[in-house]
Structure formats: C-alpha cells, structure tokens
C-alpha atoms as a PDB file:
ATOM      1  CA  MET A   1     -21.417  42.303  22.770  1.00  0.00           C
ATOM      2  CA  PRO A   2     -21.088  39.952  25.765  1.00  0.00           C
ATOM      3  CA  SER A   3     -17.602  40.666  27.110  1.00  0.00           C
ATOM      4  CA  LYS A   4     -17.117  37.207  28.647  1.00  0.00           C
ATOM      5  CA  ALA A   5     -17.624  35.484  25.299  1.00  0.00           C
ATOM      6  CA  LEU A   6     -14.923  37.584  23.649  1.00  0.00           C
ATOM      7  CA  GLU A   7     -12.363  37.867  26.413  1.00  0.00           C
ATOM      8  CA  LEU A   8     -10.096  35.293  24.755  1.00  0.00           C
ATOM      9  CA  LYS A   9      -8.001  37.038  22.108  1.00  0.00           C
ATOM     10  CA  LYS A  10      -8.184  34.090  19.702  1.00  0.00           C
ATOM     11  CA  ARG A  11     -11.982  34.039  19.881  1.00  0.00           C
ATOM     12  CA  ARG A  12     -12.237  37.828  19.579  1.00  0.00           C
ATOM     13  CA  VAL A  13     -10.007  37.833  16.465  1.00  0.00           C
ATOM     14  CA  LEU A  14     -12.090  35.013  14.954  1.00  0.00           C
ATOM     15  CA  TYR A  15     -15.316  36.912  15.637  1.00  0.00           C
ATOM     16  CA  GLN A  16     -13.914  40.114  14.107  1.00  0.00           C
ATOM     17  CA  HIS A  17     -12.815  38.155  11.031  1.00  0.00           C
ATOM     18  CA  ILE A  18     -16.360  36.816  10.582  1.00  0.00           C
ATOM     19  CA  LEU A  19     -17.742  40.359  10.998  1.00  0.00           C
ATOM     20  CA  ARG A  20     -15.507  41.560   8.142  1.00  0.00           C
ATOM     21  CA  ASN A  21     -15.973  38.441   5.982  1.00  0.00           C
ATOM     22  CA  PRO A  22     -19.453  36.988   6.502  1.00  0.00           C
ATOM     23  CA  GLY A  23     -20.285  33.801   4.664  1.00  0.00           C
ATOM     24  CA  LEU A  24     -16.925  32.057   4.958  1.00  0.00           C
ATOM     25  CA  HIS A  25     -16.937  28.268   5.271  1.00  0.00           C
ATOM     26  CA  LEU A  26     -14.948  26.232   7.785  1.00  0.00           C
ATOM     27  CA  ARG A  27     -11.913  25.511   5.589  1.00  0.00           C
ATOM     28  CA  ALA A  28     -11.601  29.169   4.544  1.00  0.00           C
ATOM     29  CA  LEU A  29     -11.690  30.181   8.212  1.00  0.00           C
ATOM     30  CA  GLU A  30      -9.097  27.510   9.006  1.00  0.00           C
ATOM     31  CA  ARG A  31      -6.836  28.887   6.282  1.00  0.00           C
ATOM     32  CA  ASP A  32      -7.369  32.543   7.179  1.00  0.00           C
ATOM     33  CA  MET A  33      -7.068  32.114  10.937  1.00  0.00           C
ATOM     34  CA  ARG A  34      -4.253  29.544  10.821  1.00  0.00           C
ATOM     35  CA  MET A  35      -5.945  27.592  13.600  1.00  0.00           C
ATOM     36  CA  GLY A  36      -6.195  23.870  14.027  1.00  0.00           C
ATOM     37  CA  LEU A  37      -9.546  22.473  12.919  1.00  0.00           C
ATOM     38  CA  GLY A  38     -10.515  21.189  16.379  1.00  0.00           C
ATOM     39  CA  ASP A  39      -9.628  24.478  18.049  1.00  0.00           C
ATOM     40  CA  LEU A  40     -11.466  26.444  15.374  1.00  0.00           C
ATOM     41  CA  ARG A  41     -14.615  24.315  15.679  1.00  0.00           C
ATOM     42  CA  HIS A  42     -14.557  24.711  19.460  1.00  0.00           C
ATOM     43  CA  HIS A  43     -14.476  28.509  19.209  1.00  0.00           C
ATOM     44  CA  LEU A  44     -17.078  28.618  16.405  1.00  0.00           C
ATOM     45  CA  ASP A  45     -19.443  26.407  18.419  1.00  0.00           C
ATOM     46  CA  PHE A  46     -18.943  28.626  21.467  1.00  0.00           C
ATOM     47  CA  LEU A  47     -19.624  31.823  19.490  1.00  0.00           C
ATOM     48  CA  GLU A  48     -22.732  30.227  17.974  1.00  0.00           C
ATOM     49  CA  ARG A  49     -24.061  29.107  21.380  1.00  0.00           C
ATOM     50  CA  GLU A  50     -23.554  32.657  22.662  1.00  0.00           C
ATOM     51  CA  GLY A  51     -25.548  34.034  19.696  1.00  0.00           C
ATOM     52  CA  LEU A  52     -22.625  36.051  18.366  1.00  0.00           C
ATOM     53  CA  ILE A  53     -22.538  34.152  15.087  1.00  0.00           C
ATOM     54  CA  LEU A  54     -25.082  32.312  12.981  1.00  0.00           C
ATOM     55  CA  THR A  55     -24.598  29.489  10.529  1.00  0.00           C
ATOM     56  CA  ALA A  56     -26.238  28.562   7.262  1.00  0.00           C
ATOM     57  CA  THR A  57     -25.842  25.545   5.049  1.00  0.00           C
ATOM     58  CA  ASP A  58     -26.568  24.986   1.388  1.00  0.00           C
ATOM     59  CA  GLY A  59     -26.728  21.248   1.972  1.00  0.00           C
ATOM     60  CA  TYR A  60     -23.038  20.825   1.216  1.00  0.00           C
ATOM     61  CA  ARG A  61     -21.133  23.269   3.374  1.00  0.00           C
ATOM     62  CA  LYS A  62     -21.700  25.277   6.495  1.00  0.00           C
ATOM     63  CA  THR A  63     -21.024  28.993   6.381  1.00  0.00           C
ATOM     64  CA  TYR A  64     -20.599  31.458   9.238  1.00  0.00           C
ATOM     65  CA  PHE A  65     -22.174  34.890   9.688  1.00  0.00           C
ATOM     66  CA  PRO A  66     -22.278  37.563  12.384  1.00  0.00           C
ATOM     67  CA  GLY A  67     -25.314  37.502  14.674  1.00  0.00           C
ATOM     68  CA  LYS A  68     -28.671  38.938  13.627  1.00  0.00           C
ATOM     69  CA  LYS A  69     -27.850  42.447  14.842  1.00  0.00           C
ATOM     70  CA  GLU A  70     -24.697  42.651  12.718  1.00  0.00           C
ATOM     71  CA  PHE A  71     -25.872  40.849   9.567  1.00  0.00           C
ATOM     72  CA  SER A  72     -29.351  40.774   8.116  1.00  0.00           C
ATOM     73  CA  GLY A  73     -28.494  40.079   4.480  1.00  0.00           C
ATOM     74  CA  ASP A  74     -29.089  37.141   2.184  1.00  0.00           C
ATOM     75  CA  LYS A  75     -26.979  34.319   3.634  1.00  0.00           C
ATOM     76  CA  ALA A  76     -27.541  32.028   0.641  1.00  0.00           C
ATOM     77  CA  LEU A  77     -26.339  34.620  -1.852  1.00  0.00           C
ATOM     78  CA  LEU A  78     -23.269  35.585   0.135  1.00  0.00           C
ATOM     79  CA  GLY A  79     -22.409  31.944   0.845  1.00  0.00           C
ATOM     80  CA  LEU A  80     -22.523  31.177  -2.875  1.00  0.00           C
ATOM     81  CA  LEU A  81     -20.507  34.283  -3.761  1.00  0.00           C
ATOM     82  CA  ARG A  82     -17.792  32.957  -1.445  1.00  0.00           C
ATOM     83  CA  GLN A  83     -17.390  29.908  -3.731  1.00  0.00           C
ATOM     84  CA  SER A  84     -15.262  30.459  -6.829  1.00  0.00           C
ATOM     85  CA  LYS A  85     -17.389  28.642  -9.437  1.00  0.00           C
ATOM     86  CA  PRO A  86     -20.811  30.010  -8.403  1.00  0.00           C
ATOM     87  CA  ARG A  87     -19.202  33.464  -8.155  1.00  0.00           C
ATOM     88  CA  ALA A  88     -17.781  33.095 -11.684  1.00  0.00           C
ATOM     89  CA  ILE A  89     -21.241  32.138 -12.977  1.00  0.00           C
ATOM     90  CA  LEU A  90     -22.878  35.113 -11.261  1.00  0.00           C
ATOM     91  CA  LEU A  91     -20.209  37.482 -12.567  1.00  0.00           C
ATOM     92  CA  LEU A  92     -20.866  36.299 -16.129  1.00  0.00           C
ATOM     93  CA  LEU A  93     -24.619  36.725 -15.737  1.00  0.00           C
ATOM     94  CA  LEU A  94     -24.267  40.115 -14.059  1.00  0.00           C
ATOM     95  CA  ASN A  95     -23.104  41.786 -17.256  1.00  0.00           C
ATOM     96  CA  ALA A  96     -25.178  39.729 -19.701  1.00  0.00           C
ATOM     97  CA  GLU A  97     -28.910  39.559 -20.290  1.00  0.00           C
ATOM     98  CA  SER A  98     -28.727  35.779 -20.063  1.00  0.00           C
ATOM     99  CA  GLY A  99     -26.450  32.857 -20.762  1.00  0.00           C
ATOM    100  CA  GLY A 100     -26.929  29.404 -22.156  1.00  0.00           C
ATOM    101  CA  PHE A 101     -25.622  26.279 -20.468  1.00  0.00           C
ATOM    102  CA  ASP A 102     -22.811  25.635 -22.983  1.00  0.00           C
ATOM    103  CA  TYR A 103     -21.727  29.293 -22.934  1.00  0.00           C
ATOM    104  CA  LEU A 104     -21.477  29.260 -19.117  1.00  0.00           C
ATOM    105  CA  ARG A 105     -19.726  25.878 -19.072  1.00  0.00           C
ATOM    106  CA  LYS A 106     -17.032  27.048 -21.497  1.00  0.00           C
ATOM    107  CA  LYS A 107     -16.521  30.404 -19.773  1.00  0.00           C
ATOM    108  CA  VAL A 108     -16.352  28.917 -16.272  1.00  0.00           C
ATOM    109  CA  GLY A 109     -14.247  25.993 -17.489  1.00  0.00           C
ATOM    110  CA  VAL A 110     -16.070  23.139 -15.802  1.00  0.00           C
ATOM    111  CA  SER A 111     -17.643  19.857 -16.829  1.00  0.00           C
ATOM    112  CA  LYS A 112     -21.356  19.548 -17.590  1.00  0.00           C
ATOM    113  CA  SER A 113     -22.011  17.758 -14.305  1.00  0.00           C
ATOM    114  CA  THR A 114     -20.130  20.377 -12.290  1.00  0.00           C
ATOM    115  CA  LEU A 115     -22.002  23.237 -13.933  1.00  0.00           C
ATOM    116  CA  SER A 116     -25.323  21.406 -13.411  1.00  0.00           C
ATOM    117  CA  PHE A 117     -24.455  20.987  -9.728  1.00  0.00           C
ATOM    118  CA  HIS A 118     -23.733  24.703  -9.276  1.00  0.00           C
ATOM    119  CA  MET A 119     -26.704  25.862 -11.370  1.00  0.00           C
ATOM    120  CA  LYS A 120     -29.018  23.713  -9.267  1.00  0.00           C
ATOM    121  CA  LYS A 121     -27.719  25.386  -6.079  1.00  0.00           C
ATOM    122  CA  LEU A 122     -28.139  28.854  -7.612  1.00  0.00           C
ATOM    123  CA  GLU A 123     -31.665  28.028  -8.820  1.00  0.00           C
ATOM    124  CA  GLU A 124     -32.743  26.527  -5.490  1.00  0.00           C
ATOM    125  CA  ALA A 125     -31.508  29.647  -3.701  1.00  0.00           C
ATOM    126  CA  GLY A 126     -33.643  31.773  -6.049  1.00  0.00           C
ATOM    127  CA  ILE A 127     -30.611  33.695  -7.288  1.00  0.00           C
ATOM    128  CA  VAL A 128     -30.679  32.467 -10.883  1.00  0.00           C
ATOM    129  CA  ALA A 129     -33.758  32.074 -13.072  1.00  0.00           C
ATOM    130  CA  VAL A 130     -33.896  29.408 -15.762  1.00  0.00           C
ATOM    131  CA  GLN A 131     -35.907  29.446 -18.954  1.00  0.00           C
ATOM    132  CA  GLU A 132     -36.250  26.236 -20.944  1.00  0.00           C
ATOM    133  CA  ASP A 133     -36.807  26.302 -24.673  1.00  0.00           C
ATOM    134  CA  ARG A 134     -37.088  22.811 -26.156  1.00  0.00           C
ATOM    135  CA  GLN A 135     -33.687  21.297 -25.333  1.00  0.00           C
ATOM    136  CA  ARG A 136     -31.935  24.530 -24.361  1.00  0.00           C
ATOM    137  CA  LYS A 137     -31.728  26.170 -20.926  1.00  0.00           C
ATOM    138  CA  THR A 138     -30.996  29.863 -20.571  1.00  0.00           C
ATOM    139  CA  TYR A 139     -30.051  31.407 -17.249  1.00  0.00           C
ATOM    140  CA  SER A 140     -30.413  34.955 -15.983  1.00  0.00           C
ATOM    141  CA  LEU A 141     -30.209  37.019 -12.802  1.00  0.00           C
ATOM    142  CA  PRO A 142     -33.650  38.322 -11.818  1.00  0.00           C
ATOM    143  CA  ASP A 143     -32.127  40.733  -9.283  1.00  0.00           C
ATOM    144  CA  LYS A 144     -28.838  41.997 -10.706  1.00  0.00           C
ATOM    145  CA  ASP A 145     -28.854  45.000  -8.383  1.00  0.00           C
ATOM    146  CA  LYS A 146     -28.867  42.773  -5.314  1.00  0.00           C
ATOM    147  CA  VAL A 147     -25.954  40.672  -6.610  1.00  0.00           C
ATOM    148  CA  ALA A 148     -24.012  43.819  -7.526  1.00  0.00           C
ATOM    149  CA  GLU A 149     -24.740  45.353  -4.099  1.00  0.00           C
ATOM    150  CA  PHE A 150     -23.315  42.290  -2.335  1.00  0.00           C
ATOM    151  CA  LEU A 151     -20.264  42.282  -4.591  1.00  0.00           C
ATOM    152  CA  ILE A 152     -19.664  45.975  -3.926  1.00  0.00           C
ATOM    153  CA  THR A 153     -20.228  45.678  -0.176  1.00  0.00           C
ATOM    154  CA  TYR A 154     -17.926  42.685   0.279  1.00  0.00           C
ATOM    155  CA  ARG A 155     -15.532  43.444  -2.603  1.00  0.00           C
ATOM    156  CA  PRO A 156     -12.401  43.738  -0.421  1.00  0.00           C
ATOM    157  CA  SER A 157     -12.971  40.280   1.050  1.00  0.00           C
ATOM    158  CA  PHE A 158     -13.193  38.421  -2.276  1.00  0.00           C
ATOM    159  CA  LEU A 159      -9.605  39.019  -3.433  1.00  0.00           C
ATOM    160  CA  ASP A 160     -10.692  38.191  -6.958  1.00  0.00           C
ATOM    161  CA  ALA A 161      -9.693  40.290  -9.973  1.00  0.00           C
ATOM    162  CA  ALA A 162     -12.756  38.957 -11.815  1.00  0.00           C
ATOM    163  CA  VAL A 163     -14.978  40.661  -9.231  1.00  0.00           C
ATOM    164  CA  ASP A 164     -13.178  43.937  -9.858  1.00  0.00           C
ATOM    165  CA  ARG A 165     -13.552  43.615 -13.655  1.00  0.00           C
ATOM    166  CA  ALA A 166     -17.227  42.670 -13.471  1.00  0.00           C
ATOM    167  CA  LEU A 167     -18.019  45.543 -11.132  1.00  0.00           C
ATOM    168  CA  GLU A 168     -16.137  48.005 -13.325  1.00  0.00           C
ATOM    169  CA  ALA A 169     -18.291  46.889 -16.277  1.00  0.00           C
ATOM    170  CA  TRP A 170     -21.454  46.958 -14.147  1.00  0.00           C
ATOM    171  CA  LEU A 171     -20.759  50.408 -12.716  1.00  0.00           C
ATOM    172  CA  GLY A 172     -19.109  51.710 -15.898  1.00  0.00           C
END
C-alpha cells in the first residue's frame, strides 16, 4: 500500500471502508462516511488515480472496489447485490428453481417497468437466465453457488434480514 496515498486519515478510513464493503455506489459511501459529496469525490478520484481502488458501472451508477490485488471477484454481481431490488430478485431465485415475471413482480413489489429494468440489468450481466415460452418469461440463476458465495462473503455488509433468511434456507 503506498503510504503517501493513505497518510490522510479521512482517505485511509474511506479506503478501509471500501475494502470491507466493495461494490458500494457514491451515495451509499456519502451516507456511510458522512462526507460532503465534493470532498468524497475528490478522495475517491485520488484513490482511483493511485490504483488503490477501481470503479465499475452498470450504465446507471458507478460502484467502487478495492484495487486488483485486494478484489478479484465479479464486480457486476456484487454491484447488483448492493441494490435492494436486484438483491431481492436474486434472493427469490436463489431458493427457487425459477420464477415467472408476475411472481417476481408481486414478491418484489414493483411495477412491470421497474422489474423489466432490473431484469434487463441482471440478464445483461449474465447473472440471470431467461427462458421464453410463448408469452411467458421464466427466470433462473445459472450459478446459484456463486450468488450464495457472494452473499455469504459479504453478508455482514448488507444489513438485510432477507439476506439472512435466504442464506439460512440455502444452507439449511
């Protein structure tokens, strides 16, 4: 770790937070760190220039990860697990063979357009598989073990009782 880059306490604490909670987006970091947005962006840009953190985007939001040495996982999956609605969808599919569009929409409690938006992101990331039968779409997780592994690894950072329940059923 380059000592100069982390000699400021504020920057060091931010970096350590990202190490413990990879995949957080800007607003979550702002909330967690209780830093002003301009100050936070300045330190994030600095850490990125120094190679201590990496960023990823799903086309809608930028997420922050430790550098390559500290994190080599699936950034897309973890970034989506950090979002409440995609996480809820993945939790439902984790303990089911598959789920239809209407079933997922009712369980997640979102509109058709909102579910379509999230399903498209999950499909494009290769996390969810879709099977179309006439007018009906059915979704499944091709790699449930990978999703479960990420949930188990980062479980303390989700602060979501639904994650705990889904993992208890998965591990049960």
